[in-house]
Amino acid sequence: MRTKRRGWASVLLAAALGVTLAGGAQAAETGATFGTHWQDWRAHADVADLASLQRGARDFVGYCLGCHSLRYERWSRLGKDLKIPPDVLKKDLIPPGQNARDYMMSPMTADAAKWFGKQPPDLSLIARYRGTNYLYRYLETFYVDSGRPTGVNNLVYPSVAMPDVLSSLEGLKVAVYRTVEVPGPHGTRIKRQVFAHFRQVAPGSMTREQFNQFVHDTVNFLDYVSDPPRLQRHRLGVWVVLFLMVFTTLAWLLYREYWKDVR
């Protein structure tokens, strides 16, 4: 596994780029649209998909660990559960100054609250708290908003403080709204702006399908982190079911043997 290590400096750079690019977004308009029914987007998380979890671990370290910690997950546990060789774990994932016995802690300092308005949260239990579908939609729905300090906003988390650190992968997009009329008081009709779709205004290094896979892998990894023993439970559960099937068969045969002469 290979990864790009990014610290808080890269996050601030991404924020600055977001502000800079926001002003010229309309000039780079390509006309591509997508995401009309974003509420139906699903993460389809599957913690049994080991390859996806390994890619998700790589992506989290490269793009998320600079700000967000996983204070309940040790590097050694990560390597064991995801079958990552110790030398690969040390070379490509564990940041300098940490070892396999340490928890996955971000190097972000206490000054983050000044930079972003709030301290970046620990993500150990975010998948259990918010749900995987919410996380998937959150990462997919950043869009250019020049009125925000970071130059971006989010459809499912309006006025988000987090910069769009994945914009280099996805590219830049704007949210397009349409006007609809809804019932108002006393039989009146009220006009309201509702989201219609996203329009791509600048390309990223990934195609839409590649970026969707990237987000899926990252959310899948966060789902695993929220309950690491689940992998062991799933593996053990297969053997438990097989044992019960064999035991039931033997018990039935024994029962039939004991009672074969009873009429």
Protein backbone atom coordinates (compact mmCIF):
# COMPACT_ATOMS: atom_id res chain seq x y z
CA MET A 1 0.00 0.00 0.00
CA ARG A 2 1.24 3.44 -0.92
CA THR A 3 -0.02 6.71 0.52
CA LYS A 4 0.53 10.43 0.55
CA ARG A 5 1.06 11.84 3.97
CA ARG A 6 -0.57 15.21 4.48
CA GLY A 7 -0.37 17.28 7.62
CA TRP A 8 -2.23 20.37 8.71
CA ALA A 9 -0.26 22.51 6.29
CA SER A 10 -1.76 20.68 3.30
CA VAL A 11 -5.24 21.18 4.73
CA LEU A 12 -4.71 24.92 5.01
CA LEU A 13 -3.35 24.95 1.46
CA ALA A 14 -6.45 23.15 0.25
CA ALA A 15 -8.61 25.72 1.98
CA ALA A 16 -6.69 28.56 0.35
CA LEU A 17 -6.98 26.93 -3.05
CA GLY A 18 -10.72 26.52 -2.50
CA VAL A 19 -11.10 30.24 -1.93
CA THR A 20 -8.94 31.11 -4.94
CA LEU A 21 -10.65 28.74 -7.33
CA ALA A 22 -14.12 29.73 -6.17
CA GLY A 23 -13.87 33.11 -7.85
CA GLY A 24 -12.98 31.64 -11.24
CA ALA A 25 -15.24 28.62 -11.11
CA GLN A 26 -17.87 29.93 -13.53
CA ALA A 27 -15.23 30.66 -16.16
CA ALA A 28 -14.17 27.00 -16.16
CA GLU A 29 -17.70 25.67 -16.53
CA THR A 30 -17.91 22.38 -18.42
CA GLY A 31 -21.66 21.78 -18.26
CA ALA A 32 -21.42 18.26 -16.77
CA THR A 33 -24.24 17.53 -14.31
CA PHE A 34 -24.85 14.78 -11.79
CA GLY A 35 -26.40 14.02 -8.43
CA THR A 36 -30.03 14.89 -9.16
CA HIS A 37 -31.25 12.39 -6.57
CA TRP A 38 -28.44 12.74 -4.05
CA GLN A 39 -30.73 11.70 -1.18
CA ASP A 40 -30.77 8.19 -2.65
CA TRP A 41 -26.98 7.81 -2.67
CA ARG A 42 -25.94 4.81 -0.58
CA ALA A 43 -22.55 3.90 0.83
CA HIS A 44 -23.12 0.13 0.46
CA ALA A 45 -20.56 -0.43 3.22
CA ASP A 46 -19.23 -3.97 3.53
CA VAL A 47 -16.63 -4.63 6.23
CA ALA A 48 -16.04 -8.09 4.75
CA ASP A 49 -14.46 -6.46 1.66
CA LEU A 50 -10.84 -6.58 2.79
CA ALA A 51 -9.44 -4.90 -0.33
CA SER A 52 -11.83 -1.97 0.13
CA LEU A 53 -10.84 -1.62 3.79
CA GLN A 54 -7.15 -1.60 2.89
CA ARG A 55 -7.70 1.12 0.29
CA GLY A 56 -9.85 3.03 2.78
CA ALA A 57 -7.08 2.88 5.39
CA ARG A 58 -4.61 4.24 2.85
CA ASP A 59 -7.00 7.03 1.83
CA PHE A 60 -7.83 7.97 5.42
CA VAL A 61 -4.16 8.27 6.35
CA GLY A 62 -3.41 10.28 3.23
CA TYR A 63 -6.31 12.73 3.36
CA CYS A 64 -7.98 12.65 6.81
CA LEU A 65 -5.44 11.81 9.51
CA GLY A 66 -3.84 15.23 9.19
CA CYS A 67 -6.85 16.64 11.10
CA HIS A 68 -8.91 13.72 12.44
CA SER A 69 -7.80 11.09 14.96
CA LEU A 70 -9.04 7.55 15.59
CA ARG A 71 -8.30 7.43 19.30
CA TYR A 72 -9.78 3.96 19.85
CA GLU A 73 -7.82 2.21 17.09
CA ARG A 74 -4.21 1.10 17.40
CA TRP A 75 -1.96 0.77 14.38
CA SER A 76 -1.18 -2.81 15.38
CA ARG A 77 -4.88 -3.68 15.50
CA LEU A 78 -5.36 -2.08 12.10
CA GLY A 79 -2.54 -4.12 10.60
CA LYS A 80 -3.79 -7.37 12.11
CA ASP A 81 -7.44 -6.94 11.15
CA LEU A 82 -6.75 -5.75 7.60
CA LYS A 83 -3.88 -8.21 7.04
CA ILE A 84 -1.34 -5.47 6.32
CA PRO A 85 2.28 -6.70 6.67
CA PRO A 86 4.17 -4.95 9.53
CA ASP A 87 6.81 -3.56 7.18
CA VAL A 88 4.16 -2.07 4.87
CA LEU A 89 2.26 -0.69 7.86
CA LYS A 90 5.38 1.02 9.18
CA LYS A 91 6.58 2.29 5.81
CA ASP A 92 3.36 3.51 4.21
CA LEU A 93 0.85 4.21 6.97
CA ILE A 94 2.33 4.96 10.40
CA PRO A 95 3.40 8.63 10.57
CA PRO A 96 6.96 9.50 11.64
CA GLY A 97 7.33 9.54 15.41
CA GLN A 98 4.62 6.93 16.02
CA ASN A 99 4.88 3.15 16.33
CA ALA A 100 2.54 0.20 15.97
CA ARG A 101 1.52 0.28 19.65
CA ASP A 102 0.22 3.85 19.40
CA TYR A 103 -3.34 4.90 18.73
CA MET A 104 -4.08 6.57 15.39
CA MET A 105 -3.73 10.16 16.55
CA SER A 106 -3.66 13.23 14.33
CA PRO A 107 -0.67 15.60 14.51
CA MET A 108 -3.13 18.52 14.46
CA THR A 109 -2.41 21.00 17.24
CA ALA A 110 -4.84 22.80 19.53
CA ASP A 111 -4.67 25.81 17.19
CA ALA A 112 -7.05 24.02 14.82
CA ALA A 113 -10.01 25.61 16.59
CA LYS A 114 -8.67 29.03 15.60
CA TRP A 115 -8.14 28.00 11.99
CA PHE A 116 -11.46 26.22 11.37
CA GLY A 117 -13.70 27.69 14.05
CA LYS A 118 -13.89 24.38 15.92
CA GLN A 119 -11.61 21.46 16.77
CA PRO A 120 -11.75 18.71 14.11
CA PRO A 121 -13.66 15.81 15.72
CA ASP A 122 -12.34 12.36 16.43
CA LEU A 123 -13.84 9.96 13.87
CA SER A 124 -13.61 6.68 15.77
CA LEU A 125 -17.38 6.37 16.22
CA ILE A 126 -18.63 8.71 13.50
CA ALA A 127 -20.01 5.86 11.36
CA ARG A 128 -22.10 4.56 14.26
CA TYR A 129 -23.25 8.05 15.21
CA ARG A 130 -24.07 9.44 11.77
CA GLY A 131 -24.45 6.30 9.68
CA THR A 132 -22.50 5.28 6.58
CA ASN A 133 -25.00 6.75 4.11
CA TYR A 134 -24.71 10.16 5.77
CA LEU A 135 -20.90 10.04 5.58
CA TYR A 136 -21.01 9.02 1.93
CA ARG A 137 -23.34 11.90 1.03
CA TYR A 138 -21.30 14.34 3.10
CA LEU A 139 -18.07 13.57 1.25
CA GLU A 140 -19.85 13.64 -2.12
CA THR A 141 -21.67 16.96 -1.73
CA PHE A 142 -19.04 19.65 -1.26
CA TYR A 143 -19.56 22.47 -3.72
CA VAL A 144 -18.11 25.89 -4.53
CA ASP A 145 -19.51 28.74 -2.45
CA SER A 146 -17.53 31.98 -2.61
CA GLY A 147 -19.47 33.34 0.34
CA ARG A 148 -17.88 30.87 2.74
CA PRO A 149 -14.44 31.46 4.38
CA THR A 150 -13.09 28.23 2.87
CA GLY A 151 -14.68 28.84 -0.53
CA VAL A 152 -16.87 25.73 -0.28
CA ASN A 153 -20.09 24.56 1.33
CA ASN A 154 -21.80 21.22 1.83
CA LEU A 155 -25.27 20.08 0.90
CA VAL A 156 -25.90 17.83 3.90
CA TYR A 157 -23.96 20.00 6.39
CA PRO A 158 -24.59 23.66 5.49
CA SER A 159 -21.99 26.21 6.61
CA VAL A 160 -19.47 23.44 7.15
CA ALA A 161 -16.14 24.53 8.66
CA MET A 162 -14.14 21.77 6.97
CA PRO A 163 -12.42 22.71 3.69
CA ASP A 164 -12.88 20.46 0.68
CA VAL A 165 -9.62 18.52 1.01
CA LEU A 166 -10.72 16.12 -1.74
CA SER A 167 -11.21 18.81 -4.39
CA SER A 168 -7.95 17.86 -6.11
CA LEU A 169 -9.40 14.40 -6.68
CA GLU A 170 -13.00 15.24 -7.48
CA GLY A 171 -12.60 18.65 -9.05
CA LEU A 172 -14.91 21.60 -8.38
CA LYS A 173 -18.67 21.72 -8.79
CA VAL A 174 -21.50 24.14 -8.10
CA ALA A 175 -24.98 23.39 -6.80
CA VAL A 176 -27.85 24.23 -9.15
CA TYR A 177 -31.24 24.98 -7.61
CA ARG A 178 -34.73 25.21 -9.05
CA THR A 179 -37.77 27.12 -7.85
CA VAL A 180 -40.84 25.18 -6.73
CA GLU A 181 -44.12 26.27 -5.20
CA VAL A 182 -45.27 24.72 -1.95
CA PRO A 183 -48.51 25.22 -0.01
CA GLY A 184 -48.45 28.16 2.40
CA PRO A 185 -50.80 29.46 5.06
CA HIS A 186 -54.42 30.34 4.20
CA GLY A 187 -54.27 28.63 0.82
CA THR A 188 -51.32 30.66 -0.45
CA ARG A 189 -48.40 29.33 -2.47
CA ILE A 190 -44.80 29.94 -1.43
CA LYS A 191 -41.85 29.80 -3.81
CA ARG A 192 -38.86 27.86 -2.48
CA GLN A 193 -35.41 27.01 -3.83
CA VAL A 194 -34.63 23.29 -3.84
CA PHE A 195 -31.51 21.45 -4.97
CA ALA A 196 -31.65 20.14 -8.54
CA HIS A 197 -28.18 18.85 -9.41
CA PHE A 198 -24.46 19.56 -9.34
CA ARG A 199 -22.61 21.05 -12.31
CA GLN A 200 -18.92 20.31 -12.72
CA VAL A 201 -16.87 23.48 -13.25
CA ALA A 202 -13.31 22.16 -12.97
CA PRO A 203 -11.98 18.61 -13.38
CA GLY A 204 -10.07 16.67 -10.77
CA SER A 205 -7.49 13.93 -11.05
CA MET A 206 -10.17 11.20 -10.80
CA THR A 207 -13.18 10.32 -12.90
CA ARG A 208 -16.60 10.36 -11.25
CA GLU A 209 -16.54 6.56 -10.92
CA GLN A 210 -13.06 6.57 -9.39
CA PHE A 211 -14.02 9.26 -6.89
CA ASN A 212 -17.19 7.40 -5.92
CA GLN A 213 -15.04 4.32 -5.25
CA PHE A 214 -12.62 6.44 -3.21
CA VAL A 215 -15.46 7.73 -1.02
CA HIS A 216 -16.95 4.25 -0.70
CA ASP A 217 -13.62 2.82 0.49
CA THR A 218 -13.08 5.64 2.99
CA VAL A 219 -16.58 5.29 4.46
CA ASN A 220 -16.19 1.52 4.52
CA PHE A 221 -12.99 1.93 6.55
CA LEU A 222 -14.70 4.29 9.01
CA ASP A 223 -17.49 1.72 9.37
CA TYR A 224 -14.89 -0.90 10.31
CA VAL A 225 -13.17 1.46 12.77
CA SER A 226 -16.44 2.13 14.56
CA ASP A 227 -16.64 -1.56 15.55
CA PRO A 228 -13.37 -3.45 14.85
CA PRO A 229 -14.43 -6.75 16.56
CA ARG A 230 -17.15 -7.09 13.93
CA LEU A 231 -14.66 -8.73 11.59
CA GLN A 232 -13.84 -11.39 14.18
CA ARG A 233 -17.53 -11.89 14.95
CA HIS A 234 -18.29 -12.45 11.30
CA ARG A 235 -15.47 -14.96 10.89
CA LEU A 236 -16.30 -16.77 14.13
CA GLY A 237 -19.99 -16.75 13.32
CA VAL A 238 -19.44 -19.00 10.29
CA TRP A 239 -17.74 -21.64 12.43
CA VAL A 240 -20.39 -21.36 15.13
CA VAL A 241 -23.16 -21.98 12.61
CA LEU A 242 -21.27 -24.96 11.14
CA PHE A 243 -20.76 -26.41 14.63
CA LEU A 244 -24.44 -26.05 15.45
CA MET A 245 -25.40 -27.77 12.20
CA VAL A 246 -23.07 -30.71 12.88
CA PHE A 247 -24.13 -30.92 16.56
CA THR A 248 -27.81 -30.85 15.61
CA THR A 249 -27.28 -33.65 13.10
CA LEU A 250 -25.44 -35.81 15.65
CA ALA A 251 -28.07 -35.12 18.31
CA TRP A 252 -30.84 -36.14 15.92
CA LEU A 253 -29.05 -39.36 14.97
CA LEU A 254 -28.47 -40.16 18.66
CA TYR A 255 -32.12 -39.46 19.44
CA ARG A 256 -33.25 -41.78 16.65
CA GLU A 257 -30.91 -44.54 17.87
CA TYR A 258 -32.18 -44.32 21.47
CA TRP A 259 -35.85 -44.38 20.52
CA LYS A 260 -35.82 -46.75 17.53
CA ASP A 261 -37.30 -49.67 19.53
CA VAL A 262 -39.92 -47.59 21.30
CA ARG A 263 -43.32 -47.82 19.76
